[in-house]
N, C-alpha and C. Protein backbone atom coordinates (compact mmCIF):
# COMPACT_ATOMS: atom_id res chain seq x y z
N MET A 1 99.55 169.88 23.28
CA MET A 1 99.97 170.78 22.25
C MET A 1 98.79 171.04 21.32
N SER A 2 98.62 172.26 20.87
CA SER A 2 97.56 172.62 19.96
C SER A 2 98.15 173.34 18.76
N LEU A 3 97.48 173.19 17.64
CA LEU A 3 97.87 173.88 16.42
C LEU A 3 96.77 174.87 16.07
N THR A 4 97.14 176.08 15.69
CA THR A 4 96.16 177.04 15.23
C THR A 4 96.37 177.24 13.75
N ARG A 5 95.30 177.03 12.97
CA ARG A 5 95.41 177.22 11.55
C ARG A 5 94.05 177.49 10.96
N GLU A 6 94.05 178.07 9.78
CA GLU A 6 92.79 178.30 9.09
C GLU A 6 92.53 177.11 8.19
N ILE A 7 91.34 176.55 8.33
CA ILE A 7 90.99 175.38 7.54
C ILE A 7 89.57 175.55 7.00
N PRO A 8 89.30 174.99 5.83
CA PRO A 8 87.92 175.02 5.34
C PRO A 8 87.11 173.98 6.11
N ILE A 9 86.01 174.41 6.67
CA ILE A 9 85.19 173.50 7.47
C ILE A 9 83.73 173.91 7.33
N SER A 10 82.87 172.95 7.24
CA SER A 10 81.45 173.24 7.09
C SER A 10 80.68 172.75 8.30
N SER A 11 79.44 173.18 8.40
CA SER A 11 78.60 172.71 9.50
C SER A 11 78.39 171.20 9.39
N VAL A 12 78.37 170.67 8.17
CA VAL A 12 78.21 169.23 7.98
C VAL A 12 79.38 168.48 8.61
N THR A 13 80.60 168.95 8.34
CA THR A 13 81.80 168.33 8.91
C THR A 13 81.78 168.45 10.44
N CYS A 14 81.40 169.60 10.93
CA CYS A 14 81.34 169.80 12.38
C CYS A 14 80.34 168.85 13.03
N ARG A 15 79.17 168.70 12.39
CA ARG A 15 78.16 167.78 12.92
C ARG A 15 78.70 166.34 12.94
N GLN A 16 79.40 165.96 11.88
CA GLN A 16 79.95 164.60 11.82
C GLN A 16 80.97 164.38 12.93
N MET A 17 81.85 165.33 13.12
CA MET A 17 82.88 165.19 14.16
C MET A 17 82.26 165.21 15.56
N LEU A 18 81.26 166.07 15.76
CA LEU A 18 80.57 166.09 17.05
C LEU A 18 79.91 164.74 17.31
N GLN A 19 79.25 164.18 16.29
CA GLN A 19 78.60 162.89 16.45
C GLN A 19 79.61 161.79 16.76
N GLU A 20 80.78 161.83 16.11
CA GLU A 20 81.83 160.85 16.41
C GLU A 20 82.22 160.90 17.88
N HIS A 21 82.36 162.10 18.42
CA HIS A 21 82.75 162.24 19.82
C HIS A 21 81.62 161.81 20.76
N LEU A 22 80.37 162.09 20.39
CA LEU A 22 79.24 161.63 21.19
C LEU A 22 79.15 160.10 21.16
N ASN A 23 79.42 159.50 20.00
CA ASN A 23 79.46 158.03 19.91
C ASN A 23 80.56 157.46 20.79
N ALA A 24 81.71 158.12 20.78
CA ALA A 24 82.83 157.68 21.62
C ALA A 24 82.44 157.75 23.09
N LEU A 25 81.82 158.85 23.49
CA LEU A 25 81.40 159.00 24.88
C LEU A 25 80.44 157.89 25.28
N SER A 26 79.47 157.60 24.43
CA SER A 26 78.50 156.54 24.71
C SER A 26 79.18 155.18 24.85
N ALA A 27 80.08 154.86 23.94
CA ALA A 27 80.77 153.58 23.98
C ALA A 27 81.64 153.46 25.23
N VAL A 28 82.37 154.51 25.54
CA VAL A 28 83.27 154.48 26.69
C VAL A 28 82.48 154.37 28.00
N LEU A 29 81.34 155.05 28.06
CA LEU A 29 80.52 154.95 29.27
C LEU A 29 79.97 153.54 29.47
N LYS A 30 79.87 152.78 28.39
CA LYS A 30 79.41 151.39 28.46
C LYS A 30 80.58 150.43 28.68
N GLY A 31 81.78 150.97 28.90
CA GLY A 31 82.94 150.13 29.17
C GLY A 31 83.63 149.62 27.92
N GLN A 32 83.28 150.17 26.78
CA GLN A 32 83.89 149.76 25.53
C GLN A 32 84.94 150.77 25.12
N SER A 33 85.71 150.44 24.10
CA SER A 33 86.63 151.42 23.53
C SER A 33 86.04 151.89 22.21
N TYR A 34 86.58 152.99 21.68
CA TYR A 34 86.07 153.58 20.45
C TYR A 34 87.26 154.19 19.72
N SER A 35 87.23 154.15 18.41
CA SER A 35 88.34 154.71 17.62
C SER A 35 87.86 155.89 16.79
N ILE A 36 88.65 156.95 16.82
CA ILE A 36 88.44 158.13 15.97
C ILE A 36 89.77 158.39 15.30
N GLY A 37 89.78 158.35 14.00
CA GLY A 37 91.01 158.63 13.25
C GLY A 37 92.16 157.72 13.63
N GLY A 38 91.87 156.47 13.90
CA GLY A 38 92.93 155.52 14.25
C GLY A 38 93.37 155.57 15.69
N ARG A 39 92.82 156.48 16.47
CA ARG A 39 93.18 156.59 17.89
C ARG A 39 92.12 155.88 18.72
N SER A 40 92.53 154.90 19.51
CA SER A 40 91.60 154.15 20.35
C SER A 40 91.38 154.91 21.66
N LEU A 41 90.11 155.08 22.01
CA LEU A 41 89.75 155.82 23.22
C LEU A 41 89.08 154.88 24.20
N ASN A 42 89.33 155.12 25.49
CA ASN A 42 88.69 154.34 26.54
C ASN A 42 88.42 155.26 27.73
N ARG A 43 88.06 154.69 28.87
CA ARG A 43 87.71 155.54 30.02
C ARG A 43 88.82 156.53 30.40
N ALA A 44 90.04 156.14 30.18
CA ALA A 44 91.16 157.03 30.51
C ALA A 44 91.15 158.27 29.63
N ASN A 45 90.44 158.22 28.51
CA ASN A 45 90.39 159.34 27.58
C ASN A 45 89.12 160.19 27.73
N MET A 46 88.38 160.01 28.81
CA MET A 46 87.13 160.76 28.99
C MET A 46 87.33 162.26 28.87
N LYS A 47 88.39 162.78 29.45
CA LYS A 47 88.64 164.22 29.38
C LYS A 47 88.84 164.65 27.93
N ASP A 48 89.60 163.88 27.16
CA ASP A 48 89.83 164.19 25.75
C ASP A 48 88.52 164.16 24.97
N ILE A 49 87.68 163.19 25.25
CA ILE A 49 86.40 163.07 24.56
C ILE A 49 85.52 164.27 24.89
N GLN A 50 85.45 164.63 26.16
CA GLN A 50 84.63 165.76 26.57
C GLN A 50 85.16 167.06 25.98
N GLU A 51 86.47 167.22 25.90
CA GLU A 51 87.05 168.41 25.28
C GLU A 51 86.73 168.43 23.79
N GLY A 52 86.73 167.27 23.15
CA GLY A 52 86.38 167.18 21.74
C GLY A 52 84.93 167.58 21.50
N ILE A 53 84.03 167.15 22.38
CA ILE A 53 82.62 167.52 22.27
C ILE A 53 82.47 169.03 22.38
N THR A 54 83.11 169.62 23.36
CA THR A 54 83.05 171.07 23.55
C THR A 54 83.62 171.79 22.33
N PHE A 55 84.77 171.31 21.84
CA PHE A 55 85.42 171.92 20.68
C PHE A 55 84.50 171.89 19.46
N TRP A 56 83.93 170.72 19.14
CA TRP A 56 83.12 170.58 17.93
C TRP A 56 81.77 171.27 18.06
N LYS A 57 81.23 171.39 19.27
CA LYS A 57 80.02 172.19 19.45
C LYS A 57 80.30 173.65 19.10
N GLY A 58 81.42 174.16 19.58
CA GLY A 58 81.81 175.54 19.28
C GLY A 58 82.06 175.77 17.80
N MET A 59 82.74 174.81 17.18
CA MET A 59 83.02 174.91 15.74
C MET A 59 81.72 174.86 14.94
N LEU A 60 80.78 174.02 15.36
CA LEU A 60 79.49 173.93 14.67
C LEU A 60 78.74 175.26 14.78
N GLU A 61 78.71 175.84 15.97
CA GLU A 61 78.04 177.14 16.14
C GLU A 61 78.67 178.20 15.24
N GLU A 62 79.99 178.22 15.18
CA GLU A 62 80.68 179.20 14.35
C GLU A 62 80.39 178.98 12.87
N ALA A 63 80.43 177.74 12.42
CA ALA A 63 80.16 177.43 11.02
C ALA A 63 78.73 177.79 10.64
N LEU A 64 77.76 177.47 11.52
CA LEU A 64 76.36 177.80 11.25
C LEU A 64 76.16 179.31 11.18
N GLU A 65 76.82 180.04 12.06
CA GLU A 65 76.74 181.51 12.05
C GLU A 65 77.29 182.07 10.74
N LEU A 66 78.45 181.60 10.33
CA LEU A 66 79.04 182.08 9.08
C LEU A 66 78.17 181.72 7.88
N GLU A 67 77.63 180.51 7.87
CA GLU A 67 76.78 180.09 6.76
C GLU A 67 75.48 180.89 6.73
N SER A 68 74.95 181.24 7.89
CA SER A 68 73.70 182.00 7.94
C SER A 68 73.89 183.43 7.43
N ARG A 69 75.13 183.91 7.46
CA ARG A 69 75.42 185.25 6.95
C ARG A 69 75.85 185.22 5.50
N GLY A 70 75.58 184.11 4.83
CA GLY A 70 75.88 184.03 3.41
C GLY A 70 77.15 183.30 3.07
N GLY A 71 77.87 182.83 4.08
CA GLY A 71 79.06 182.03 3.81
C GLY A 71 78.63 180.71 3.19
N CYS A 72 79.46 180.18 2.38
CA CYS A 72 79.11 178.90 1.75
C CYS A 72 79.71 177.75 2.56
N ARG A 73 79.30 176.55 2.21
CA ARG A 73 79.91 175.39 2.85
C ARG A 73 81.40 175.44 2.56
N GLY A 74 82.16 175.11 3.52
CA GLY A 74 83.61 175.19 3.33
C GLY A 74 84.15 176.55 3.70
N THR A 75 83.37 177.31 4.44
CA THR A 75 83.83 178.60 4.91
C THR A 75 85.11 178.41 5.72
N VAL A 76 86.07 179.29 5.52
CA VAL A 76 87.32 179.18 6.26
C VAL A 76 87.13 179.78 7.64
N VAL A 77 87.43 178.98 8.65
CA VAL A 77 87.36 179.44 10.03
C VAL A 77 88.69 179.16 10.69
N ARG A 78 88.98 179.93 11.71
CA ARG A 78 90.21 179.70 12.47
C ARG A 78 89.92 178.62 13.51
N ALA A 79 90.73 177.60 13.50
CA ALA A 79 90.52 176.47 14.42
C ALA A 79 91.79 176.18 15.20
N VAL A 80 91.62 175.88 16.47
CA VAL A 80 92.71 175.38 17.29
C VAL A 80 92.50 173.88 17.37
N ILE A 81 93.38 173.14 16.75
CA ILE A 81 93.25 171.71 16.65
C ILE A 81 94.06 171.04 17.77
N PRO A 82 93.36 170.38 18.73
CA PRO A 82 94.10 169.68 19.78
C PRO A 82 94.97 168.59 19.15
N HIS A 83 96.19 168.53 19.57
CA HIS A 83 97.11 167.53 19.04
C HIS A 83 97.90 166.98 20.20
N GLY A 84 97.61 165.79 20.61
CA GLY A 84 98.25 165.25 21.79
C GLY A 84 99.15 164.20 21.45
């Protein structure tokens, strides 16, 4: 299930979330688990982690584009938030 809503989001937030997912991927590949927002991830969640990386890369590109055109941090963008 996904939710579509407009939320204030900055490139800083996108970078942080992307880094969290990259950290999760690294930990899981080493056979460890990783938690994001209270959700524990492991090898069974590889698809979710990879989808999160793709999602946050796209959000970062969009936020950077909006900011480069004069948008301020916290520019409102339309986001589809995966909710499983």
